[in-house]
Structures are given as structure tokens and as C-alpha cells.
Amino acid sequence: MAEKAKKIYEEFIQTEAPKEVNIDHFTKAVTMKNLVEPSPTTFDMAQKRIFALMEKDSLPRFVRSEFYHELIK
């Protein structure tokens, strides 16, 4: 579990990660702290922040997009 958690962190959470997600520094710090002793809840805070951002920003922009409107025709 520790190795998988580290890979997830390095690919998505850490600053300048190849597929870095947009989360605040506090959430990154908590997630990094959780990596000391990984558990099934290690990424819970990050996941909640990402879902909230998607709900408030990404999804509404997508639903308003011309691309989406073309898809639903």
C-alpha cells in the first residue's frame, strides 16, 4: 500500500507532478503527512477537495460548453 500511495502522490498531488490536480497547499500537506503511515483514508481530504472543485467549477463549465450541447443533440 505504501508504494502505491507514494506513486499516486508523485503523479497527481506533489507540486509539478506530471498530472497535478488543483488542490490547496494545506490539503497537499495533510496528504503528505498521511503518507508517513498510509491507510485507506490517506487521500480522503484530497478526494473531497477535488470533487468539490469539479462540482463547483469544472462540471458547470462543461455543461455550459458548446461541446456538451453538441453531444446531447
PDB file of N, CA and C in Angstrom:
ATOM      1  N   MET A   1       0.821  -1.189   0.000  1.00  0.00           N
ATOM      2  CA  MET A   1       0.000   0.000   0.000  1.00  0.00           C
ATOM      3  C   MET A   1       0.870   1.260   0.000  1.00  0.00           C
ATOM      4  N   ALA A   2       1.949   1.246   0.737  1.00  0.00           N
ATOM      5  CA  ALA A   2       2.806   2.427   0.838  1.00  0.00           C
ATOM      6  C   ALA A   2       3.383   2.819  -0.522  1.00  0.00           C
ATOM      7  N   GLU A   3       3.809   1.842  -1.292  1.00  0.00           N
ATOM      8  CA  GLU A   3       4.397   2.130  -2.606  1.00  0.00           C
ATOM      9  C   GLU A   3       3.352   2.695  -3.571  1.00  0.00           C
ATOM     10  N   LYS A   4       2.152   2.142  -3.561  1.00  0.00           N
ATOM     11  CA  LYS A   4       1.078   2.650  -4.419  1.00  0.00           C
ATOM     12  C   LYS A   4       0.682   4.066  -4.016  1.00  0.00           C
ATOM     13  N   ALA A   5       0.591   4.308  -2.716  1.00  0.00           N
ATOM     14  CA  ALA A   5       0.236   5.643  -2.228  1.00  0.00           C
ATOM     15  C   ALA A   5       1.286   6.667  -2.658  1.00  0.00           C
ATOM     16  N   LYS A   6       2.545   6.282  -2.577  1.00  0.00           N
ATOM     17  CA  LYS A   6       3.630   7.172  -2.979  1.00  0.00           C
ATOM     18  C   LYS A   6       3.533   7.490  -4.475  1.00  0.00           C
ATOM     19  N   LYS A   7       3.241   6.483  -5.291  1.00  0.00           N
ATOM     20  CA  LYS A   7       3.117   6.696  -6.738  1.00  0.00           C
ATOM     21  C   LYS A   7       1.962   7.635  -7.054  1.00  0.00           C
ATOM     22  N   ILE A   8       0.842   7.451  -6.370  1.00  0.00           N
ATOM     23  CA  ILE A   8      -0.310   8.340  -6.579  1.00  0.00           C
ATOM     24  C   ILE A   8       0.065   9.761  -6.210  1.00  0.00           C
ATOM     25  N   TYR A   9       0.711   9.919  -5.070  1.00  0.00           N
ATOM     26  CA  TYR A   9       1.125  11.256  -4.628  1.00  0.00           C
ATOM     27  C   TYR A   9       2.053  11.902  -5.650  1.00  0.00           C
ATOM     28  N   GLU A  10       3.036  11.163  -6.110  1.00  0.00           N
ATOM     29  CA  GLU A  10       4.025  11.714  -7.045  1.00  0.00           C
ATOM     30  C   GLU A  10       3.418  12.044  -8.413  1.00  0.00           C
ATOM     31  N   GLU A  11       2.415  11.306  -8.815  1.00  0.00           N
ATOM     32  CA  GLU A  11       1.827  11.537 -10.134  1.00  0.00           C
ATOM     33  C   GLU A  11       0.750  12.622 -10.127  1.00  0.00           C
ATOM     34  N   PHE A  12       0.036  12.765  -9.006  1.00  0.00           N
ATOM     35  CA  PHE A  12      -1.115  13.665  -9.009  1.00  0.00           C
ATOM     36  C   PHE A  12      -1.096  14.789  -7.974  1.00  0.00           C
ATOM     37  N   ILE A  13      -0.420  14.630  -6.873  1.00  0.00           N
ATOM     38  CA  ILE A  13      -0.545  15.584  -5.766  1.00  0.00           C
ATOM     39  C   ILE A  13       0.648  16.518  -5.628  1.00  0.00           C
ATOM     40  N   GLN A  14       1.837  15.990  -5.677  1.00  0.00           N
ATOM     41  CA  GLN A  14       3.004  16.835  -5.397  1.00  0.00           C
ATOM     42  C   GLN A  14       3.123  17.967  -6.420  1.00  0.00           C
ATOM     43  N   THR A  15       3.734  19.056  -6.000  1.00  0.00           N
ATOM     44  CA  THR A  15       3.943  20.206  -6.868  1.00  0.00           C
ATOM     45  C   THR A  15       4.767  19.788  -8.082  1.00  0.00           C
ATOM     46  N   GLU A  16       4.336  20.223  -9.244  1.00  0.00           N
ATOM     47  CA  GLU A  16       4.971  19.897 -10.526  1.00  0.00           C
ATOM     48  C   GLU A  16       4.811  18.422 -10.916  1.00  0.00           C
ATOM     49  N   ALA A  17       3.823  17.749 -10.343  1.00  0.00           N
ATOM     50  CA  ALA A  17       3.557  16.351 -10.714  1.00  0.00           C
ATOM     51  C   ALA A  17       3.115  16.306 -12.174  1.00  0.00           C
ATOM     52  N   PRO A  18       3.381  15.202 -12.878  1.00  0.00           N
ATOM     53  CA  PRO A  18       3.017  15.114 -14.294  1.00  0.00           C
ATOM     54  C   PRO A  18       1.531  15.360 -14.561  1.00  0.00           C
ATOM     55  N   LYS A  19       0.677  14.925 -13.648  1.00  0.00           N
ATOM     56  CA  LYS A  19      -0.775  15.106 -13.802  1.00  0.00           C
ATOM     57  C   LYS A  19      -1.341  15.803 -12.571  1.00  0.00           C
ATOM     58  N   GLU A  20      -0.668  16.848 -12.149  1.00  0.00           N
ATOM     59  CA  GLU A  20      -1.012  17.541 -10.902  1.00  0.00           C
ATOM     60  C   GLU A  20      -2.450  18.038 -10.895  1.00  0.00           C
ATOM     61  N   VAL A  21      -3.155  17.720  -9.822  1.00  0.00           N
ATOM     62  CA  VAL A  21      -4.510  18.213  -9.630  1.00  0.00           C
ATOM     63  C   VAL A  21      -4.465  19.521  -8.853  1.00  0.00           C
ATOM     64  N   ASN A  22      -5.492  20.321  -9.023  1.00  0.00           N
ATOM     65  CA  ASN A  22      -5.545  21.642  -8.421  1.00  0.00           C
ATOM     66  C   ASN A  22      -6.132  21.565  -7.014  1.00  0.00           C
ATOM     67  N   ILE A  23      -5.258  21.421  -6.021  1.00  0.00           N
ATOM     68  CA  ILE A  23      -5.707  21.462  -4.628  1.00  0.00           C
ATOM     69  C   ILE A  23      -4.815  22.418  -3.848  1.00  0.00           C
ATOM     70  N   ASP A  24      -5.339  22.885  -2.733  1.00  0.00           N
ATOM     71  CA  ASP A  24      -4.623  23.879  -1.929  1.00  0.00           C
ATOM     72  C   ASP A  24      -3.435  23.259  -1.194  1.00  0.00           C
ATOM     73  N   HIS A  25      -2.565  24.132  -0.733  1.00  0.00           N
ATOM     74  CA  HIS A  25      -1.328  23.691  -0.063  1.00  0.00           C
ATOM     75  C   HIS A  25      -1.618  22.938   1.234  1.00  0.00           C
ATOM     76  N   PHE A  26      -2.646  23.368   1.954  1.00  0.00           N
ATOM     77  CA  PHE A  26      -2.993  22.682   3.203  1.00  0.00           C
ATOM     78  C   PHE A  26      -3.350  21.228   2.933  1.00  0.00           C
ATOM     79  N   THR A  27      -4.177  20.997   1.919  1.00  0.00           N
ATOM     80  CA  THR A  27      -4.588  19.637   1.572  1.00  0.00           C
ATOM     81  C   THR A  27      -3.390  18.814   1.129  1.00  0.00           C
ATOM     82  N   LYS A  28      -2.487  19.422   0.363  1.00  0.00           N
ATOM     83  CA  LYS A  28      -1.267  18.717  -0.044  1.00  0.00           C
ATOM     84  C   LYS A  28      -0.449  18.331   1.182  1.00  0.00           C
ATOM     85  N   ALA A  29      -0.330  19.252   2.132  1.00  0.00           N
ATOM     86  CA  ALA A  29       0.461  18.979   3.335  1.00  0.00           C
ATOM     87  C   ALA A  29      -0.159  17.853   4.164  1.00  0.00           C
ATOM     88  N   VAL A  30      -1.471  17.867   4.310  1.00  0.00           N
ATOM     89  CA  VAL A  30      -2.149  16.813   5.067  1.00  0.00           C
ATOM     90  C   VAL A  30      -1.953  15.468   4.368  1.00  0.00           C
ATOM     91  N   THR A  31      -2.082  15.461   3.053  1.00  0.00           N
ATOM     92  CA  THR A  31      -1.903  14.231   2.297  1.00  0.00           C
ATOM     93  C   THR A  31      -0.475  13.714   2.442  1.00  0.00           C
ATOM     94  N   MET A  32       0.491  14.607   2.369  1.00  0.00           N
ATOM     95  CA  MET A  32       1.890  14.201   2.539  1.00  0.00           C
ATOM     96  C   MET A  32       2.107  13.617   3.936  1.00  0.00           C
ATOM     97  N   LYS A  33       1.521  14.240   4.930  1.00  0.00           N
ATOM     98  CA  LYS A  33       1.640  13.743   6.304  1.00  0.00           C
ATOM     99  C   LYS A  33       1.015  12.342   6.409  1.00  0.00           C
ATOM    100  N   ASN A  34      -0.106  12.145   5.722  1.00  0.00           N
ATOM    101  CA  ASN A  34      -0.776  10.838   5.753  1.00  0.00           C
ATOM    102  C   ASN A  34       0.069   9.740   5.114  1.00  0.00           C
ATOM    103  N   LEU A  35       0.999  10.108   4.248  1.00  0.00           N
ATOM    104  CA  LEU A  35       1.852   9.117   3.588  1.00  0.00           C
ATOM    105  C   LEU A  35       2.864   8.473   4.532  1.00  0.00           C
ATOM    106  N   VAL A  36       3.080   9.085   5.696  1.00  0.00           N
ATOM    107  CA  VAL A  36       4.013   8.517   6.673  1.00  0.00           C
ATOM    108  C   VAL A  36       3.525   7.124   7.090  1.00  0.00           C
ATOM    109  N   GLU A  37       2.221   7.012   7.290  1.00  0.00           N
ATOM    110  CA  GLU A  37       1.596   5.727   7.599  1.00  0.00           C
ATOM    111  C   GLU A  37       0.352   5.599   6.722  1.00  0.00           C
ATOM    112  N   PRO A  38       0.515   5.173   5.480  1.00  0.00           N
ATOM    113  CA  PRO A  38      -0.622   5.103   4.554  1.00  0.00           C
ATOM    114  C   PRO A  38      -1.742   4.189   5.051  1.00  0.00           C
ATOM    115  N   SER A  39      -2.957   4.592   4.734  1.00  0.00           N
ATOM    116  CA  SER A  39      -4.139   3.808   5.087  1.00  0.00           C
ATOM    117  C   SER A  39      -5.169   4.004   3.977  1.00  0.00           C
ATOM    118  N   PRO A  40      -6.275   3.309   4.041  1.00  0.00           N
ATOM    119  CA  PRO A  40      -7.310   3.514   3.017  1.00  0.00           C
ATOM    120  C   PRO A  40      -7.872   4.939   2.989  1.00  0.00           C
ATOM    121  N   THR A  41      -7.617   5.732   4.027  1.00  0.00           N
ATOM    122  CA  THR A  41      -8.129   7.103   4.071  1.00  0.00           C
ATOM    123  C   THR A  41      -7.059   8.156   3.741  1.00  0.00           C
ATOM    124  N   THR A  42      -5.900   7.732   3.299  1.00  0.00           N
ATOM    125  CA  THR A  42      -4.784   8.645   3.040  1.00  0.00           C
ATOM    126  C   THR A  42      -5.162   9.808   2.131  1.00  0.00           C
ATOM    127  N   PHE A  43      -5.942   9.538   1.099  1.00  0.00           N
ATOM    128  CA  PHE A  43      -6.271  10.571   0.109  1.00  0.00           C
ATOM    129  C   PHE A  43      -7.682  11.130   0.256  1.00  0.00           C
ATOM    130  N   ASP A  44      -8.351  10.844   1.361  1.00  0.00           N
ATOM    131  CA  ASP A  44      -9.742  11.276   1.511  1.00  0.00           C
ATOM    132  C   ASP A  44      -9.923  12.783   1.410  1.00  0.00           C
ATOM    133  N   MET A  45      -9.094  13.558   2.095  1.00  0.00           N
ATOM    134  CA  MET A  45      -9.242  15.008   2.050  1.00  0.00           C
ATOM    135  C   MET A  45      -9.020  15.529   0.628  1.00  0.00           C
ATOM    136  N   ALA A  46      -7.989  15.039  -0.026  1.00  0.00           N
ATOM    137  CA  ALA A  46      -7.712  15.464  -1.402  1.00  0.00           C
ATOM    138  C   ALA A  46      -8.883  15.095  -2.307  1.00  0.00           C
ATOM    139  N   GLN A  47      -9.415  13.908  -2.144  1.00  0.00           N
ATOM    140  CA  GLN A  47     -10.546  13.476  -2.964  1.00  0.00           C
ATOM    141  C   GLN A  47     -11.751  14.390  -2.753  1.00  0.00           C
ATOM    142  N   LYS A  48     -12.042  14.731  -1.523  1.00  0.00           N
ATOM    143  CA  LYS A  48     -13.175  15.617  -1.226  1.00  0.00           C
ATOM    144  C   LYS A  48     -12.970  16.994  -1.852  1.00  0.00           C
ATOM    145  N   ARG A  49     -11.750  17.525  -1.774  1.00  0.00           N
ATOM    146  CA  ARG A  49     -11.471  18.844  -2.371  1.00  0.00           C
ATOM    147  C   ARG A  49     -11.619  18.796  -3.888  1.00  0.00           C
ATOM    148  N   ILE A  50     -11.121  17.739  -4.499  1.00  0.00           N
ATOM    149  CA  ILE A  50     -11.197  17.600  -5.951  1.00  0.00           C
ATOM    150  C   ILE A  50     -12.652  17.470  -6.392  1.00  0.00           C
ATOM    151  N   PHE A  51     -13.438  16.655  -5.702  1.00  0.00           N
ATOM    152  CA  PHE A  51     -14.845  16.519  -6.048  1.00  0.00           C
ATOM    153  C   PHE A  51     -15.570  17.855  -5.906  1.00  0.00           C
ATOM    154  N   ALA A  52     -15.261  18.605  -4.851  1.00  0.00           N
ATOM    155  CA  ALA A  52     -15.902  19.908  -4.642  1.00  0.00           C
ATOM    156  C   ALA A  52     -15.548  20.870  -5.776  1.00  0.00           C
ATOM    157  N   LEU A  53     -14.274  20.887  -6.173  1.00  0.00           N
ATOM    158  CA  LEU A  53     -13.869  21.748  -7.285  1.00  0.00           C
ATOM    159  C   LEU A  53     -14.560  21.350  -8.581  1.00  0.00           C
ATOM    160  N   MET A  54     -14.662  20.061  -8.811  1.00  0.00           N
ATOM    161  CA  MET A  54     -15.344  19.597 -10.019  1.00  0.00           C
ATOM    162  C   MET A  54     -16.812  20.012 -10.005  1.00  0.00           C
ATOM    163  N   GLU A  55     -17.448  19.882  -8.855  1.00  0.00           N
ATOM    164  CA  GLU A  55     -18.863  20.209  -8.724  1.00  0.00           C
ATOM    165  C   GLU A  55     -19.119  21.703  -8.916  1.00  0.00           C
ATOM    166  N   LYS A  56     -18.239  22.530  -8.364  1.00  0.00           N
ATOM    167  CA  LYS A  56     -18.452  23.971  -8.401  1.00  0.00           C
ATOM    168  C   LYS A  56     -17.887  24.649  -9.644  1.00  0.00           C
ATOM    169  N   ASP A  57     -16.901  24.029 -10.296  1.00  0.00           N
ATOM    170  CA  ASP A  57     -16.234  24.703 -11.406  1.00  0.00           C
ATOM    171  C   ASP A  57     -16.254  23.895 -12.704  1.00  0.00           C
ATOM    172  N   SER A  58     -15.607  22.765 -12.717  1.00  0.00           N
ATOM    173  CA  SER A  58     -15.422  22.010 -13.960  1.00  0.00           C
ATOM    174  C   SER A  58     -16.730  21.524 -14.568  1.00  0.00           C
ATOM    175  N   LEU A  59     -17.583  20.925 -13.765  1.00  0.00           N
ATOM    176  CA  LEU A  59     -18.832  20.398 -14.298  1.00  0.00           C
ATOM    177  C   LEU A  59     -19.744  21.505 -14.831  1.00  0.00           C
ATOM    178  N   PRO A  60     -19.982  22.582 -14.088  1.00  0.00           N
ATOM    179  CA  PRO A  60     -20.834  23.643 -14.642  1.00  0.00           C
ATOM    180  C   PRO A  60     -20.272  24.242 -15.942  1.00  0.00           C
ATOM    181  N   ARG A  61     -18.949  24.412 -16.016  1.00  0.00           N
ATOM    182  CA  ARG A  61     -18.358  24.926 -17.260  1.00  0.00           C
ATOM    183  C   ARG A  61     -18.570  23.952 -18.405  1.00  0.00           C
ATOM    184  N   PHE A  62     -18.419  22.665 -18.123  1.00  0.00           N
ATOM    185  CA  PHE A  62     -18.622  21.662 -19.161  1.00  0.00           C
ATOM    186  C   PHE A  62     -20.078  21.655 -19.635  1.00  0.00           C
ATOM    187  N   VAL A  63     -21.015  21.705 -18.691  1.00  0.00           N
ATOM    188  CA  VAL A  63     -22.437  21.672 -19.046  1.00  0.00           C
ATOM    189  C   VAL A  63     -22.829  22.901 -19.868  1.00  0.00           C
ATOM    190  N   ARG A  64     -22.173  24.018 -19.671  1.00  0.00           N
ATOM    191  CA  ARG A  64     -22.449  25.228 -20.458  1.00  0.00           C
ATOM    192  C   ARG A  64     -21.712  25.242 -21.791  1.00  0.00           C
ATOM    193  N   SER A  65     -20.779  24.337 -21.981  1.00  0.00           N
ATOM    194  CA  SER A  65     -19.929  24.373 -23.167  1.00  0.00           C
ATOM    195  C   SER A  65     -20.677  23.979 -24.438  1.00  0.00           C
ATOM    196  N   GLU A  66     -20.205  24.520 -25.538  1.00  0.00           N
ATOM    197  CA  GLU A  66     -20.758  24.181 -26.845  1.00  0.00           C
ATOM    198  C   GLU A  66     -20.545  22.690 -27.132  1.00  0.00           C
ATOM    199  N   PHE A  67     -19.397  22.171 -26.736  1.00  0.00           N
ATOM    200  CA  PHE A  67     -19.083  20.753 -26.932  1.00  0.00           C
ATOM    201  C   PHE A  67     -20.161  19.874 -26.314  1.00  0.00           C
ATOM    202  N   TYR A  68     -20.539  20.161 -25.078  1.00  0.00           N
ATOM    203  CA  TYR A  68     -21.562  19.371 -24.385  1.00  0.00           C
ATOM    204  C   TYR A  68     -22.908  19.489 -25.105  1.00  0.00           C
ATOM    205  N   HIS A  69     -23.250  20.683 -25.504  1.00  0.00           N
ATOM    206  CA  HIS A  69     -24.527  20.890 -26.182  1.00  0.00           C
ATOM    207  C   HIS A  69     -24.582  20.163 -27.517  1.00  0.00           C
ATOM    208  N   GLU A  70     -23.463  20.050 -28.175  1.00  0.00           N
ATOM    209  CA  GLU A  70     -23.411  19.263 -29.416  1.00  0.00           C
ATOM    210  C   GLU A  70     -23.575  17.772 -29.134  1.00  0.00           C
ATOM    211  N   LEU A  71     -23.013  17.328 -28.015  1.00  0.00           N
ATOM    212  CA  LEU A  71     -23.120  15.911 -27.652  1.00  0.00           C
ATOM    213  C   LEU A  71     -24.540  15.485 -27.335  1.00  0.00           C
ATOM    214  N   ILE A  72     -25.296  16.360 -26.710  1.00  0.00           N
ATOM    215  CA  ILE A  72     -26.647  15.962 -26.275  1.00  0.00           C
ATOM    216  C   ILE A  72     -27.700  16.152 -27.366  1.00  0.00           C
ATOM    217  N   LYS A  73     -27.329  16.689 -28.512  1.00  0.00           N
ATOM    218  CA  LYS A  73     -28.303  16.853 -29.600  1.00  0.00           C
ATOM    219  C   LYS A  73     -28.653  15.526 -30.204  1.00  0.00           C
TER     220      LYS A  73
END
